[in-house]
Amino acid sequence: MECIGTVRLTPEAEKVVHRLKAKTGLPIRQIVSDIIVQAEVIITIETEEDTYMKTPFLPSPSAGSSPTVGSPASFWSAARTAPCS
């Protein structure tokens, strides 16, 4: 397996990873990699174009303002609210 980068976890996520390591005995690298691969199917990415088509009250991109929809915070909102299996 190739190492492609480093990710800094939040303290809460780090605790979860350490609990999973204690329960499974798997290496942290494998735990985090498996979580990312499995989570891909439950994450929905909403683009600004999708938002403009659904919400008529937002200004158009040509108006010079850009909403926060599609930002990293909204990107992960689907992952935070998705049920765990």
N, C-alpha and C. Protein backbone atom coordinates (compact mmCIF):
# COMPACT_ATOMS: atom_id res chain seq x y z
N MET A 1 0.84 -1.17 0.00
CA MET A 1 0.00 0.00 0.00
C MET A 1 0.89 1.24 0.00
N GLU A 2 0.60 2.18 -0.89
CA GLU A 2 1.40 3.39 -1.02
C GLU A 2 0.89 4.46 -0.06
N CYS A 3 1.82 5.17 0.56
CA CYS A 3 1.46 6.28 1.44
C CYS A 3 1.40 7.54 0.60
N ILE A 4 0.23 8.21 0.57
CA ILE A 4 0.08 9.37 -0.30
C ILE A 4 -0.02 10.69 0.45
N GLY A 5 -0.08 10.67 1.75
CA GLY A 5 -0.18 11.93 2.45
C GLY A 5 -0.47 11.75 3.92
N THR A 6 -0.61 12.88 4.57
CA THR A 6 -0.88 12.90 6.00
C THR A 6 -2.18 13.64 6.24
N VAL A 7 -2.99 13.12 7.15
CA VAL A 7 -4.24 13.76 7.52
C VAL A 7 -4.20 14.03 9.01
N ARG A 8 -4.55 15.24 9.40
CA ARG A 8 -4.63 15.57 10.82
C ARG A 8 -6.06 15.37 11.28
N LEU A 9 -6.22 14.50 12.25
CA LEU A 9 -7.55 14.19 12.76
C LEU A 9 -7.94 15.15 13.88
N THR A 10 -9.23 15.33 14.03
CA THR A 10 -9.72 16.07 15.18
C THR A 10 -9.52 15.19 16.42
N PRO A 11 -9.49 15.78 17.59
CA PRO A 11 -9.34 14.96 18.80
C PRO A 11 -10.42 13.89 18.93
N GLU A 12 -11.65 14.22 18.56
CA GLU A 12 -12.74 13.25 18.63
C GLU A 12 -12.51 12.08 17.68
N ALA A 13 -12.09 12.39 16.45
CA ALA A 13 -11.82 11.33 15.47
C ALA A 13 -10.65 10.47 15.91
N GLU A 14 -9.65 11.08 16.51
CA GLU A 14 -8.49 10.32 16.99
C GLU A 14 -8.90 9.32 18.07
N LYS A 15 -9.79 9.74 18.96
CA LYS A 15 -10.28 8.83 20.00
C LYS A 15 -11.01 7.63 19.38
N VAL A 16 -11.82 7.91 18.35
CA VAL A 16 -12.55 6.83 17.68
C VAL A 16 -11.56 5.85 17.05
N VAL A 17 -10.57 6.38 16.37
CA VAL A 17 -9.58 5.52 15.71
C VAL A 17 -8.85 4.66 16.74
N HIS A 18 -8.48 5.25 17.86
CA HIS A 18 -7.78 4.47 18.89
C HIS A 18 -8.69 3.41 19.52
N ARG A 19 -9.98 3.72 19.67
CA ARG A 19 -10.92 2.71 20.17
C ARG A 19 -11.04 1.55 19.19
N LEU A 20 -11.13 1.88 17.90
CA LEU A 20 -11.22 0.83 16.88
C LEU A 20 -9.95 -0.01 16.83
N LYS A 21 -8.80 0.63 17.01
CA LYS A 21 -7.53 -0.10 17.05
C LYS A 21 -7.51 -1.05 18.23
N ALA A 22 -7.97 -0.60 19.39
CA ALA A 22 -7.99 -1.44 20.59
C ALA A 22 -8.93 -2.63 20.40
N LYS A 23 -10.07 -2.40 19.73
CA LYS A 23 -11.06 -3.47 19.53
C LYS A 23 -10.61 -4.48 18.48
N THR A 24 -9.95 -3.98 17.42
CA THR A 24 -9.65 -4.85 16.28
C THR A 24 -8.20 -5.31 16.21
N GLY A 25 -7.30 -4.52 16.76
CA GLY A 25 -5.88 -4.84 16.64
C GLY A 25 -5.30 -4.48 15.28
N LEU A 26 -6.12 -3.85 14.43
CA LEU A 26 -5.65 -3.46 13.10
C LEU A 26 -4.77 -2.21 13.19
N PRO A 27 -3.87 -2.05 12.23
CA PRO A 27 -3.06 -0.82 12.19
C PRO A 27 -3.95 0.40 11.93
N ILE A 28 -3.60 1.54 12.51
CA ILE A 28 -4.36 2.78 12.33
C ILE A 28 -4.49 3.12 10.85
N ARG A 29 -3.43 2.94 10.10
CA ARG A 29 -3.46 3.24 8.67
C ARG A 29 -4.57 2.46 7.97
N GLN A 30 -4.71 1.18 8.30
CA GLN A 30 -5.74 0.36 7.67
C GLN A 30 -7.14 0.79 8.13
N ILE A 31 -7.29 1.10 9.40
CA ILE A 31 -8.59 1.54 9.93
C ILE A 31 -9.05 2.80 9.21
N VAL A 32 -8.19 3.80 9.15
CA VAL A 32 -8.56 5.08 8.52
C VAL A 32 -8.81 4.89 7.03
N SER A 33 -7.98 4.11 6.36
CA SER A 33 -8.19 3.85 4.93
C SER A 33 -9.52 3.16 4.68
N ASP A 34 -9.85 2.16 5.50
CA ASP A 34 -11.12 1.45 5.33
C ASP A 34 -12.31 2.38 5.57
N ILE A 35 -12.21 3.25 6.57
CA ILE A 35 -13.29 4.19 6.85
C ILE A 35 -13.53 5.10 5.65
N ILE A 36 -12.46 5.61 5.07
CA ILE A 36 -12.59 6.52 3.92
C ILE A 36 -13.23 5.80 2.74
N VAL A 37 -12.77 4.59 2.44
CA VAL A 37 -13.32 3.84 1.31
C VAL A 37 -14.79 3.52 1.53
N GLN A 38 -15.14 3.08 2.73
CA GLN A 38 -16.53 2.73 3.01
C GLN A 38 -17.44 3.95 3.05
N ALA A 39 -16.91 5.09 3.47
CA ALA A 39 -17.73 6.31 3.59
C ALA A 39 -18.05 6.94 2.25
N GLU A 40 -17.29 6.63 1.22
CA GLU A 40 -17.51 7.27 -0.08
C GLU A 40 -18.94 7.11 -0.57
N VAL A 41 -19.55 5.96 -0.34
CA VAL A 41 -20.89 5.71 -0.87
C VAL A 41 -21.98 6.46 -0.10
N ILE A 42 -21.70 6.96 1.10
CA ILE A 42 -22.74 7.68 1.86
C ILE A 42 -22.55 9.19 1.82
N ILE A 43 -21.54 9.67 1.10
CA ILE A 43 -21.29 11.11 1.00
C ILE A 43 -21.89 11.64 -0.29
N THR A 44 -22.67 12.70 -0.15
CA THR A 44 -23.25 13.37 -1.31
C THR A 44 -22.59 14.73 -1.44
N ILE A 45 -22.06 15.01 -2.60
CA ILE A 45 -21.43 16.31 -2.85
C ILE A 45 -22.44 17.19 -3.55
N GLU A 46 -22.71 18.33 -2.95
CA GLU A 46 -23.66 19.27 -3.53
C GLU A 46 -22.87 20.44 -4.08
N THR A 47 -22.97 20.67 -5.38
CA THR A 47 -22.25 21.77 -6.01
C THR A 47 -23.08 23.05 -5.93
N GLU A 48 -22.43 24.17 -6.20
CA GLU A 48 -23.16 25.44 -6.20
C GLU A 48 -24.25 25.43 -7.26
N GLU A 49 -23.99 24.81 -8.40
CA GLU A 49 -24.98 24.74 -9.46
C GLU A 49 -26.23 23.99 -8.99
N ASP A 50 -26.03 22.87 -8.28
CA ASP A 50 -27.17 22.12 -7.74
C ASP A 50 -28.00 23.00 -6.80
N THR A 51 -27.32 23.77 -5.97
CA THR A 51 -27.99 24.62 -4.99
C THR A 51 -28.80 25.71 -5.68
N TYR A 52 -28.23 26.34 -6.69
CA TYR A 52 -28.95 27.40 -7.39
C TYR A 52 -30.19 26.87 -8.08
N MET A 53 -30.12 25.64 -8.57
CA MET A 53 -31.26 25.06 -9.25
C MET A 53 -32.38 24.73 -8.27
N LYS A 54 -32.05 24.42 -7.01
CA LYS A 54 -33.04 24.03 -6.01
C LYS A 54 -33.58 25.22 -5.23
N THR A 55 -32.77 26.27 -5.05
CA THR A 55 -33.13 27.37 -4.17
C THR A 55 -33.18 28.68 -4.96
N PRO A 56 -34.36 29.16 -5.30
CA PRO A 56 -34.45 30.37 -6.12
C PRO A 56 -34.07 31.64 -5.38
N PHE A 57 -33.91 31.60 -4.05
CA PHE A 57 -33.64 32.81 -3.30
C PHE A 57 -32.16 33.15 -3.19
N LEU A 58 -31.28 32.26 -3.64
CA LEU A 58 -29.85 32.55 -3.59
C LEU A 58 -29.47 33.41 -4.78
N PRO A 59 -28.53 34.33 -4.62
CA PRO A 59 -28.08 35.13 -5.77
C PRO A 59 -27.36 34.25 -6.78
N SER A 60 -27.43 34.63 -8.03
CA SER A 60 -26.74 33.84 -9.05
C SER A 60 -25.24 34.06 -8.93
N PRO A 61 -24.42 33.12 -9.42
CA PRO A 61 -22.97 33.28 -9.33
C PRO A 61 -22.49 34.55 -10.02
N SER A 62 -23.21 35.01 -11.06
CA SER A 62 -22.79 36.22 -11.77
C SER A 62 -23.04 37.48 -10.95
N ALA A 63 -23.79 37.38 -9.86
CA ALA A 63 -24.09 38.55 -9.03
C ALA A 63 -22.91 38.94 -8.15
N GLY A 64 -21.85 38.13 -8.15
CA GLY A 64 -20.66 38.50 -7.42
C GLY A 64 -20.55 37.91 -6.03
N SER A 65 -21.59 37.27 -5.52
CA SER A 65 -21.47 36.66 -4.20
C SER A 65 -21.39 35.15 -4.38
N SER A 66 -20.77 34.51 -3.42
CA SER A 66 -20.70 33.07 -3.54
C SER A 66 -21.11 32.45 -2.22
N PRO A 67 -22.15 31.63 -2.22
CA PRO A 67 -22.63 31.02 -1.00
C PRO A 67 -21.66 29.98 -0.48
N THR A 68 -21.86 29.56 0.74
CA THR A 68 -20.97 28.58 1.34
C THR A 68 -21.35 27.16 0.99
N VAL A 69 -22.46 26.96 0.29
CA VAL A 69 -22.84 25.60 -0.09
C VAL A 69 -21.78 25.05 -1.02
N GLY A 70 -21.40 23.82 -0.78
CA GLY A 70 -20.33 23.23 -1.56
C GLY A 70 -18.99 23.38 -0.86
N SER A 71 -18.98 24.10 0.26
CA SER A 71 -17.75 24.28 1.03
C SER A 71 -17.46 22.99 1.77
N PRO A 72 -16.25 22.82 2.29
CA PRO A 72 -15.94 21.60 3.04
C PRO A 72 -16.91 21.32 4.17
N ALA A 73 -17.41 22.35 4.84
CA ALA A 73 -18.34 22.13 5.95
C ALA A 73 -19.63 21.49 5.47
N SER A 74 -20.19 21.98 4.35
CA SER A 74 -21.43 21.39 3.87
C SER A 74 -21.16 20.04 3.21
N PHE A 75 -19.98 19.86 2.65
CA PHE A 75 -19.60 18.59 2.05
C PHE A 75 -19.69 17.47 3.07
N TRP A 76 -19.20 17.72 4.27
CA TRP A 76 -19.18 16.68 5.28
C TRP A 76 -20.47 16.58 6.07
N SER A 77 -21.41 17.49 5.87
CA SER A 77 -22.65 17.41 6.63
C SER A 77 -23.38 16.11 6.34
N ALA A 78 -23.29 15.60 5.12
CA ALA A 78 -23.94 14.34 4.80
C ALA A 78 -23.31 13.19 5.56
N ALA A 79 -22.00 13.23 5.70
CA ALA A 79 -21.31 12.15 6.42
C ALA A 79 -21.66 12.18 7.90
N ARG A 80 -21.82 13.37 8.48
CA ARG A 80 -22.12 13.46 9.90
C ARG A 80 -23.53 13.00 10.21
N THR A 81 -24.45 13.17 9.27
CA THR A 81 -25.84 12.84 9.55
C THR A 81 -26.24 11.47 9.02
N ALA A 82 -25.37 10.83 8.27
CA ALA A 82 -25.72 9.52 7.72
C ALA A 82 -25.70 8.46 8.80
N PRO A 83 -26.64 7.52 8.74
CA PRO A 83 -26.66 6.47 9.77
C PRO A 83 -25.46 5.54 9.61
N CYS A 84 -24.96 5.06 10.70
CA CYS A 84 -23.85 4.12 10.67
C CYS A 84 -24.38 2.72 10.51
N SER A 85 -23.58 1.91 9.81
CA SER A 85 -24.00 0.51 9.66
C SER A 85 -22.85 -0.41 10.00
